[in-house]
N, C-alpha and C. Protein backbone atom coordinates (compact mmCIF):
# COMPACT_ATOMS: atom_id res chain seq x y z
N UNK A 1 -87.67 13.98 20.85
CA UNK A 1 -86.35 13.81 21.39
C UNK A 1 -86.51 13.64 22.91
N UNK A 2 -85.78 12.68 23.44
CA UNK A 2 -85.80 12.35 24.89
C UNK A 2 -85.14 13.63 25.60
N UNK A 3 -85.72 13.88 26.80
CA UNK A 3 -85.34 15.07 27.58
C UNK A 3 -83.85 14.90 27.94
N UNK A 4 -83.27 13.76 28.27
CA UNK A 4 -81.96 13.65 28.69
C UNK A 4 -80.90 13.63 27.64
N UNK A 5 -81.24 13.57 26.33
CA UNK A 5 -80.33 13.60 25.31
C UNK A 5 -79.25 14.82 25.37
N UNK A 6 -79.68 16.06 25.62
CA UNK A 6 -78.75 17.11 25.72
C UNK A 6 -77.76 16.93 26.91
N UNK A 7 -78.10 16.14 27.82
CA UNK A 7 -77.12 15.80 28.93
C UNK A 7 -75.94 15.03 28.42
N UNK A 8 -76.11 14.19 27.42
CA UNK A 8 -74.94 13.40 26.85
C UNK A 8 -73.91 14.36 26.48
N UNK A 9 -74.18 15.47 25.78
CA UNK A 9 -73.20 16.40 25.41
C UNK A 9 -72.47 17.17 26.57
N UNK A 10 -73.19 17.21 27.70
CA UNK A 10 -72.64 17.92 28.85
C UNK A 10 -71.76 17.01 29.71
N UNK A 11 -72.16 15.74 29.83
CA UNK A 11 -71.37 14.86 30.66
C UNK A 11 -70.24 14.13 29.87
N UNK A 12 -70.36 13.96 28.60
CA UNK A 12 -69.26 13.23 27.82
C UNK A 12 -68.51 14.32 27.18
N UNK A 13 -67.21 14.48 27.69
CA UNK A 13 -66.27 15.40 27.18
C UNK A 13 -65.01 14.74 26.69
N UNK A 14 -64.94 14.21 25.53
CA UNK A 14 -63.72 13.52 25.08
C UNK A 14 -62.57 14.45 25.06
N UNK A 15 -61.40 14.05 25.35
CA UNK A 15 -61.00 12.68 25.37
C UNK A 15 -61.11 12.07 26.85
N UNK A 16 -61.62 12.93 27.79
CA UNK A 16 -61.79 12.32 29.13
C UNK A 16 -62.73 11.14 29.25
N UNK A 17 -62.50 10.36 30.17
CA UNK A 17 -63.47 9.28 30.50
C UNK A 17 -64.59 9.78 31.35
N UNK A 18 -65.69 9.28 31.26
CA UNK A 18 -66.94 9.79 32.02
C UNK A 18 -67.33 8.77 33.02
N UNK A 19 -67.59 9.26 34.21
CA UNK A 19 -68.06 8.37 35.41
C UNK A 19 -69.21 9.01 36.04
N UNK A 20 -69.94 8.19 36.82
CA UNK A 20 -70.96 8.66 37.73
C UNK A 20 -70.63 8.06 39.06
N UNK A 21 -71.03 8.82 40.14
CA UNK A 21 -70.96 8.17 41.45
C UNK A 21 -72.50 8.16 41.90
N UNK A 22 -72.97 7.01 42.08
CA UNK A 22 -74.38 6.88 42.32
C UNK A 22 -74.65 6.36 43.81
N UNK A 23 -75.72 6.90 44.35
CA UNK A 23 -76.05 6.57 45.68
C UNK A 23 -77.25 5.58 45.70
N UNK A 24 -76.91 4.29 45.83
CA UNK A 24 -77.93 3.21 45.78
C UNK A 24 -78.98 3.40 46.84
N UNK A 25 -78.78 4.16 47.91
CA UNK A 25 -79.73 4.47 48.91
C UNK A 25 -80.90 5.37 48.45
N UNK A 26 -80.71 6.00 47.35
CA UNK A 26 -81.72 7.01 46.81
C UNK A 26 -82.86 6.34 46.17
N UNK A 27 -82.65 5.13 45.64
CA UNK A 27 -83.77 4.41 44.89
C UNK A 27 -83.46 2.88 44.90
N UNK A 28 -84.37 2.15 45.14
CA UNK A 28 -84.14 0.59 45.24
C UNK A 28 -83.98 0.03 43.84
N UNK A 29 -84.09 0.81 42.80
CA UNK A 29 -83.84 0.29 41.43
C UNK A 29 -82.31 0.35 41.11
N UNK A 30 -81.57 1.23 41.74
CA UNK A 30 -80.20 1.43 41.35
C UNK A 30 -79.30 0.16 41.49
N UNK A 31 -79.27 -0.44 42.58
CA UNK A 31 -78.41 -1.56 42.79
C UNK A 31 -78.73 -2.73 41.83
N UNK A 32 -79.97 -3.11 41.71
CA UNK A 32 -80.29 -4.20 40.62
C UNK A 32 -79.83 -3.79 39.25
N UNK A 33 -80.00 -2.49 38.90
CA UNK A 33 -79.60 -2.13 37.61
C UNK A 33 -78.04 -2.13 37.42
N UNK A 34 -77.37 -1.91 38.51
CA UNK A 34 -75.84 -2.00 38.37
C UNK A 34 -75.45 -3.43 38.14
N UNK A 35 -76.10 -4.39 38.83
CA UNK A 35 -75.77 -5.80 38.81
C UNK A 35 -75.82 -6.22 37.34
N UNK A 36 -76.82 -5.70 36.54
CA UNK A 36 -76.93 -6.13 35.20
C UNK A 36 -76.40 -5.16 34.15
N UNK A 37 -75.70 -4.09 34.66
CA UNK A 37 -75.20 -2.96 33.81
C UNK A 37 -74.18 -3.42 32.78
N UNK A 38 -74.30 -2.75 31.55
CA UNK A 38 -73.33 -3.00 30.49
C UNK A 38 -72.23 -1.89 30.62
N UNK A 39 -71.89 -1.64 31.92
CA UNK A 39 -70.79 -0.70 32.22
C UNK A 39 -70.02 -1.31 33.34
N UNK A 40 -68.81 -0.86 33.50
CA UNK A 40 -67.97 -1.38 34.69
C UNK A 40 -68.29 -0.43 35.87
N UNK A 41 -68.23 -1.03 37.08
CA UNK A 41 -68.59 -0.30 38.33
C UNK A 41 -67.81 -0.96 39.47
N UNK A 42 -67.63 -0.07 40.51
CA UNK A 42 -67.03 -0.50 41.67
C UNK A 42 -67.72 0.18 42.90
N UNK A 43 -67.84 -0.54 43.96
CA UNK A 43 -68.45 0.03 45.14
C UNK A 43 -67.44 0.90 45.88
N UNK A 44 -67.84 2.07 46.32
CA UNK A 44 -66.82 2.89 47.04
C UNK A 44 -66.49 2.26 48.46
N UNK A 45 -67.39 1.55 49.03
CA UNK A 45 -67.05 0.75 50.26
C UNK A 45 -66.26 -0.51 49.90
N UNK A 46 -65.59 -1.01 50.92
CA UNK A 46 -64.77 -2.20 50.73
C UNK A 46 -65.06 -3.16 51.76
N UNK A 47 -64.73 -4.39 51.54
CA UNK A 47 -64.72 -5.42 52.58
C UNK A 47 -66.16 -5.72 53.06
N UNK A 48 -66.28 -5.88 54.33
CA UNK A 48 -67.51 -6.19 55.04
C UNK A 48 -68.54 -5.11 54.77
N UNK A 49 -68.20 -3.90 54.85
CA UNK A 49 -69.13 -2.72 54.60
C UNK A 49 -69.76 -2.85 53.26
N UNK A 50 -68.92 -3.15 52.20
CA UNK A 50 -69.40 -3.35 50.84
C UNK A 50 -70.41 -4.47 50.76
N UNK A 51 -70.27 -5.49 51.47
CA UNK A 51 -71.21 -6.62 51.41
C UNK A 51 -72.45 -6.32 52.16
N UNK A 52 -72.22 -5.81 53.40
CA UNK A 52 -73.44 -5.54 54.32
C UNK A 52 -74.43 -4.48 53.77
N UNK A 53 -73.75 -3.51 53.15
CA UNK A 53 -74.50 -2.24 52.65
C UNK A 53 -74.59 -2.18 51.23
N UNK A 54 -74.53 -3.30 50.47
CA UNK A 54 -74.51 -3.37 48.99
C UNK A 54 -75.69 -2.62 48.43
N UNK A 55 -76.87 -2.80 48.92
CA UNK A 55 -78.00 -2.24 48.30
C UNK A 55 -78.26 -0.67 48.65
N UNK A 56 -77.43 -0.13 49.44
CA UNK A 56 -77.48 1.26 49.81
C UNK A 56 -76.16 2.05 49.70
N UNK A 57 -75.16 1.43 49.12
CA UNK A 57 -73.85 1.98 49.09
C UNK A 57 -73.62 2.91 47.91
N UNK A 58 -72.62 3.75 47.91
CA UNK A 58 -72.21 4.52 46.77
C UNK A 58 -71.44 3.71 45.78
N UNK A 59 -71.64 3.94 44.45
CA UNK A 59 -70.94 3.21 43.48
C UNK A 59 -70.46 4.11 42.43
N UNK A 60 -69.16 3.80 41.95
CA UNK A 60 -68.52 4.47 40.92
C UNK A 60 -68.69 3.67 39.71
N UNK A 61 -69.25 4.30 38.56
CA UNK A 61 -69.58 3.63 37.34
C UNK A 61 -68.92 4.41 36.23
N UNK A 62 -68.24 3.58 35.32
CA UNK A 62 -67.74 4.23 34.10
C UNK A 62 -68.79 4.09 33.05
N UNK A 63 -69.16 5.26 32.56
CA UNK A 63 -70.23 5.49 31.58
C UNK A 63 -69.78 5.54 30.21
N UNK A 64 -70.63 4.98 29.27
CA UNK A 64 -70.34 4.97 27.85
C UNK A 64 -71.60 5.58 27.16
N UNK A 65 -71.47 6.49 26.23
CA UNK A 65 -72.66 7.13 25.64
C UNK A 65 -73.69 6.21 25.05
N UNK A 66 -73.20 5.10 24.50
CA UNK A 66 -74.20 4.22 23.82
C UNK A 66 -74.62 2.99 24.77
N UNK A 67 -74.21 2.98 25.97
CA UNK A 67 -74.59 1.89 26.95
C UNK A 67 -75.99 1.99 27.26
N UNK A 68 -76.66 0.90 27.48
CA UNK A 68 -78.06 0.88 27.85
C UNK A 68 -78.19 1.42 29.35
N UNK A 69 -77.18 1.15 30.17
CA UNK A 69 -77.22 1.64 31.57
C UNK A 69 -77.21 3.20 31.50
N UNK A 70 -76.39 3.72 30.69
CA UNK A 70 -76.28 5.23 30.58
C UNK A 70 -77.65 5.84 30.21
N UNK A 71 -78.27 5.24 29.22
CA UNK A 71 -79.69 5.74 28.86
C UNK A 71 -80.65 5.65 29.95
N UNK A 72 -80.60 4.49 30.66
CA UNK A 72 -81.49 4.26 31.78
C UNK A 72 -81.25 5.25 32.85
N UNK A 73 -79.87 5.47 33.18
CA UNK A 73 -79.54 6.33 34.33
C UNK A 73 -80.03 7.81 34.09
N UNK A 74 -79.80 8.29 32.91
CA UNK A 74 -80.21 9.60 32.59
C UNK A 74 -81.70 9.73 32.50
N UNK A 75 -82.37 8.81 32.02
CA UNK A 75 -83.87 8.93 31.92
C UNK A 75 -84.55 8.76 33.22
N UNK A 76 -84.03 7.87 34.13
CA UNK A 76 -84.66 7.68 35.35
C UNK A 76 -84.07 8.54 36.53
N UNK A 77 -82.76 8.70 36.51
CA UNK A 77 -82.10 9.27 37.72
C UNK A 77 -81.95 10.82 37.71
N UNK A 78 -81.93 11.40 36.53
CA UNK A 78 -81.70 12.87 36.49
C UNK A 78 -83.02 13.50 37.03
N UNK A 79 -82.84 14.48 37.89
CA UNK A 79 -83.83 15.15 38.66
C UNK A 79 -84.25 14.43 39.95
N UNK A 80 -83.64 13.35 40.27
CA UNK A 80 -83.96 12.52 41.36
C UNK A 80 -82.77 12.44 42.45
N UNK A 81 -81.67 13.23 42.14
CA UNK A 81 -80.56 13.31 43.02
C UNK A 81 -79.86 11.92 43.32
N UNK A 82 -79.77 11.19 42.20
CA UNK A 82 -79.16 9.82 42.37
C UNK A 82 -77.65 9.87 42.48
N UNK A 83 -77.03 10.93 41.96
CA UNK A 83 -75.62 10.98 42.13
C UNK A 83 -75.07 12.12 41.28
N UNK A 84 -73.63 12.11 41.08
CA UNK A 84 -73.01 13.12 40.25
C UNK A 84 -72.16 12.51 39.13
N UNK A 85 -71.93 13.17 38.18
CA UNK A 85 -71.15 12.85 37.00
C UNK A 85 -69.76 13.48 37.02
N UNK A 86 -68.77 12.90 36.42
CA UNK A 86 -67.50 13.56 36.36
C UNK A 86 -66.69 13.04 35.25
N UNK A 87 -65.64 13.82 34.89
CA UNK A 87 -64.76 13.48 33.87
C UNK A 87 -63.34 13.40 34.43
N UNK A 88 -62.63 12.32 34.14
CA UNK A 88 -61.29 12.10 34.57
C UNK A 88 -60.62 11.08 33.73
N UNK A 89 -59.30 11.23 33.68
CA UNK A 89 -58.51 10.33 32.87
C UNK A 89 -57.67 9.32 33.85
N UNK A 90 -58.41 8.51 34.41
CA UNK A 90 -57.84 7.51 35.38
C UNK A 90 -58.66 6.22 35.34
N UNK A 91 -58.06 5.15 35.52
CA UNK A 91 -58.79 3.80 35.52
C UNK A 91 -59.70 3.89 36.67
N UNK A 92 -60.77 3.11 36.63
CA UNK A 92 -61.88 2.95 37.63
C UNK A 92 -61.34 2.69 38.97
N UNK A 93 -60.46 1.73 39.14
CA UNK A 93 -59.91 1.36 40.45
C UNK A 93 -59.12 2.51 41.10
N UNK A 94 -58.34 3.24 40.37
CA UNK A 94 -57.56 4.32 40.93
C UNK A 94 -58.55 5.48 41.26
N UNK A 95 -59.51 5.70 40.49
CA UNK A 95 -60.50 6.73 40.90
C UNK A 95 -61.30 6.37 42.08
N UNK A 96 -61.60 5.03 42.22
CA UNK A 96 -62.27 4.55 43.42
C UNK A 96 -61.38 4.91 44.66
N UNK A 97 -60.12 4.64 44.55
CA UNK A 97 -59.17 4.86 45.66
C UNK A 97 -59.18 6.41 46.06
N UNK A 98 -59.22 7.29 45.01
CA UNK A 98 -59.31 8.64 45.33
C UNK A 98 -60.52 9.09 46.11
N UNK A 99 -61.63 8.59 45.69
CA UNK A 99 -62.96 8.97 46.34
C UNK A 99 -63.19 8.31 47.65
N UNK A 100 -62.60 7.24 47.88
CA UNK A 100 -62.71 6.53 49.15
C UNK A 100 -62.21 7.39 50.36
N UNK A 101 -61.25 8.25 50.00
CA UNK A 101 -60.65 9.10 51.02
C UNK A 101 -61.68 10.10 51.62
N UNK A 102 -62.73 10.33 50.85
CA UNK A 102 -63.75 11.28 51.33
C UNK A 102 -65.00 10.86 51.89
N UNK A 103 -65.16 9.52 52.09
CA UNK A 103 -66.35 8.92 52.52
C UNK A 103 -66.74 9.28 53.99
N UNK A 104 -65.73 9.66 54.81
CA UNK A 104 -65.98 10.04 56.16
C UNK A 104 -65.45 11.39 56.39
N UNK A 105 -66.17 12.25 57.26
CA UNK A 105 -65.72 13.52 57.63
C UNK A 105 -65.75 13.73 59.08
N UNK A 106 -64.97 14.57 59.57
CA UNK A 106 -64.89 14.83 61.03
C UNK A 106 -65.51 16.17 61.32
N UNK A 107 -66.56 16.16 62.08
CA UNK A 107 -67.25 17.49 62.40
C UNK A 107 -66.42 18.32 63.44
N UNK A 108 -66.70 19.51 63.65
CA UNK A 108 -65.99 20.35 64.59
C UNK A 108 -65.91 19.80 66.00
N UNK A 109 -66.97 19.07 66.41
CA UNK A 109 -67.00 18.57 67.67
C UNK A 109 -66.32 17.21 67.85
N UNK A 110 -65.66 16.81 66.75
CA UNK A 110 -64.75 15.53 66.77
C UNK A 110 -65.55 14.33 66.35
N UNK A 111 -66.85 14.41 66.09
CA UNK A 111 -67.67 13.26 65.68
C UNK A 111 -67.42 12.86 64.22
N UNK A 112 -67.21 11.67 63.87
CA UNK A 112 -66.99 11.24 62.57
C UNK A 112 -68.31 10.77 61.86
N UNK A 113 -68.64 11.28 60.72
CA UNK A 113 -69.87 10.99 59.97
C UNK A 113 -69.59 10.66 58.53
N UNK A 114 -70.61 9.95 57.89
CA UNK A 114 -70.52 9.72 56.50
C UNK A 114 -70.58 11.09 55.74
N UNK A 115 -69.81 11.29 54.80
CA UNK A 115 -69.86 12.49 53.93
C UNK A 115 -70.41 12.09 52.63
N UNK A 116 -71.64 12.47 52.31
CA UNK A 116 -72.35 12.07 51.18
C UNK A 116 -72.11 13.09 50.00
N UNK A 117 -70.80 13.28 49.61
CA UNK A 117 -70.45 14.16 48.58
C UNK A 117 -71.01 13.83 47.22
N UNK A 118 -71.36 12.63 47.06
CA UNK A 118 -71.91 12.08 45.73
C UNK A 118 -73.42 12.43 45.58
N UNK A 119 -73.94 13.17 46.62
CA UNK A 119 -75.32 13.62 46.48
C UNK A 119 -75.20 14.97 45.89
N UNK A 120 -75.88 15.28 44.75
CA UNK A 120 -75.71 16.58 44.18
C UNK A 120 -76.21 17.77 44.98
N UNK A 121 -77.12 17.39 45.91
CA UNK A 121 -77.50 18.43 46.88
C UNK A 121 -76.46 18.81 47.88
N UNK A 122 -75.58 17.93 48.13
CA UNK A 122 -74.44 18.13 49.02
C UNK A 122 -73.29 18.71 48.22
N UNK A 123 -72.98 18.19 47.08
CA UNK A 123 -71.75 18.61 46.39
C UNK A 123 -71.96 20.11 45.86
N UNK A 124 -73.10 20.53 45.48
CA UNK A 124 -73.27 21.90 44.99
C UNK A 124 -73.17 22.85 46.14
N UNK A 125 -73.34 22.45 47.30
CA UNK A 125 -73.15 23.35 48.53
C UNK A 125 -71.74 23.33 49.00
N UNK A 126 -71.07 22.08 49.02
CA UNK A 126 -69.76 21.91 49.54
C UNK A 126 -68.68 22.59 48.58
N UNK A 127 -68.74 22.40 47.29
CA UNK A 127 -67.69 22.84 46.43
C UNK A 127 -67.43 24.35 46.51
N UNK A 128 -68.44 25.20 46.54
CA UNK A 128 -68.26 26.65 46.59
C UNK A 128 -67.59 27.03 47.94
N UNK A 129 -67.64 26.25 48.98
CA UNK A 129 -66.96 26.53 50.28
C UNK A 129 -65.51 26.21 50.37
N UNK A 130 -65.05 25.38 49.46
CA UNK A 130 -63.65 24.95 49.53
C UNK A 130 -62.70 26.08 49.14
N UNK A 131 -61.53 26.13 49.87
CA UNK A 131 -60.46 26.99 49.46
C UNK A 131 -59.67 26.27 48.42
N UNK A 132 -58.66 26.97 47.90
CA UNK A 132 -57.86 26.35 46.78
C UNK A 132 -57.27 25.07 47.14
N UNK A 133 -56.76 24.93 48.22
CA UNK A 133 -56.10 23.67 48.69
C UNK A 133 -57.09 22.50 48.80
N UNK A 134 -58.25 22.87 49.47
CA UNK A 134 -59.31 21.88 49.65
C UNK A 134 -59.83 21.43 48.30
N UNK A 135 -60.02 22.39 47.46
CA UNK A 135 -60.60 22.11 46.12
C UNK A 135 -59.63 21.20 45.27
N UNK A 136 -58.35 21.53 45.37
CA UNK A 136 -57.41 20.77 44.64
C UNK A 136 -57.33 19.26 45.19
N UNK A 137 -57.39 19.19 46.43
CA UNK A 137 -57.42 17.79 47.12
C UNK A 137 -58.66 17.07 46.68
N UNK A 138 -59.84 17.71 46.79
CA UNK A 138 -61.06 16.96 46.50
C UNK A 138 -61.06 16.64 45.01
N UNK A 139 -60.70 17.58 44.06
CA UNK A 139 -60.82 17.25 42.66
C UNK A 139 -59.75 16.17 42.35
N UNK A 140 -58.61 16.22 42.88
CA UNK A 140 -57.56 15.32 42.55
C UNK A 140 -57.45 15.06 40.99
N UNK A 141 -57.68 13.90 40.48
CA UNK A 141 -57.62 13.67 39.04
C UNK A 141 -58.91 14.13 38.26
N UNK A 142 -59.89 14.61 38.86
CA UNK A 142 -61.13 14.92 38.23
C UNK A 142 -60.89 16.34 37.53
N UNK A 143 -61.38 16.38 36.35
CA UNK A 143 -61.35 17.62 35.53
C UNK A 143 -62.61 18.44 35.75
N UNK A 144 -63.68 17.75 35.89
CA UNK A 144 -64.93 18.51 36.15
C UNK A 144 -65.96 17.57 36.71
N UNK A 145 -66.90 18.15 37.48
CA UNK A 145 -68.06 17.53 37.99
C UNK A 145 -69.34 18.12 37.31
N UNK A 146 -70.31 17.32 37.01
CA UNK A 146 -71.59 17.79 36.45
C UNK A 146 -72.68 17.13 37.35
N UNK A 147 -73.60 17.96 37.73
CA UNK A 147 -74.64 17.44 38.64
C UNK A 147 -75.84 18.41 38.48
N UNK A 148 -76.98 17.92 38.84
CA UNK A 148 -78.28 18.64 38.73
C UNK A 148 -78.43 19.63 39.80
N UNK A 149 -79.15 20.80 39.45
CA UNK A 149 -79.47 21.80 40.43
C UNK A 149 -80.88 21.55 40.90
N UNK A 150 -81.36 22.45 41.78
CA UNK A 150 -82.75 22.34 42.27
C UNK A 150 -83.75 22.47 41.04
N UNK A 151 -83.33 23.24 40.03
CA UNK A 151 -84.15 23.42 38.85
C UNK A 151 -83.90 22.20 37.74
N UNK A 152 -83.16 21.26 38.15
CA UNK A 152 -82.91 20.07 37.30
C UNK A 152 -82.08 20.36 36.09
N UNK A 153 -81.32 21.51 36.12
CA UNK A 153 -80.42 21.81 34.98
C UNK A 153 -79.00 21.40 35.40
N UNK A 154 -78.16 21.19 34.42
CA UNK A 154 -76.83 20.69 34.69
C UNK A 154 -75.97 21.92 35.16
N UNK A 155 -75.26 21.65 36.24
CA UNK A 155 -74.26 22.65 36.76
C UNK A 155 -72.98 21.91 36.61
N UNK A 156 -71.97 22.77 36.33
CA UNK A 156 -70.60 22.19 36.06
C UNK A 156 -69.63 22.90 36.96
N UNK A 157 -68.89 22.13 37.67
CA UNK A 157 -67.69 22.69 38.46
C UNK A 157 -66.49 22.04 37.88
N UNK A 158 -65.63 22.97 37.31
CA UNK A 158 -64.40 22.38 36.61
C UNK A 158 -63.21 22.80 37.47
N UNK A 159 -62.11 22.03 37.37
CA UNK A 159 -60.95 22.18 38.12
C UNK A 159 -60.49 23.60 37.92
N UNK A 160 -60.59 24.19 36.80
CA UNK A 160 -60.04 25.53 36.49
C UNK A 160 -60.98 26.70 37.02
N UNK A 161 -62.16 26.32 37.45
CA UNK A 161 -63.10 27.50 37.93
C UNK A 161 -62.57 28.16 39.12
């Protein structure tokens, strides 16, 4: 049995749709795999930034359990911090609009920086610090997030937690 097979049961929770947000900057194989993927995907960046930074941008991908891309992603990306998985009942473009709101963050000194929330090493630290309002805002239409821990096991943060 392939190591990632148990992950299918964790990330696919019908009737919700399953998505991944992948960071193409983590591995140079991600962007070419997206281009030929048998799944729908959208870049979280838009316009000139999407074109200029295509090979290192974050991407929202709708996953399907039998898709070749899903198998490849779990086999190659799990334990490499390529991104996070989530369940939501929203079309891809509306989910993209939700997550685009979080791409930038303002630091206490007023400086604006990229917020790499789609990195599991960031999200697993960020979510526990959120108060109820911040958590509700960040989750939006998302029912749950699934991502790897330092030990490469699946951690789940659900809206109801």
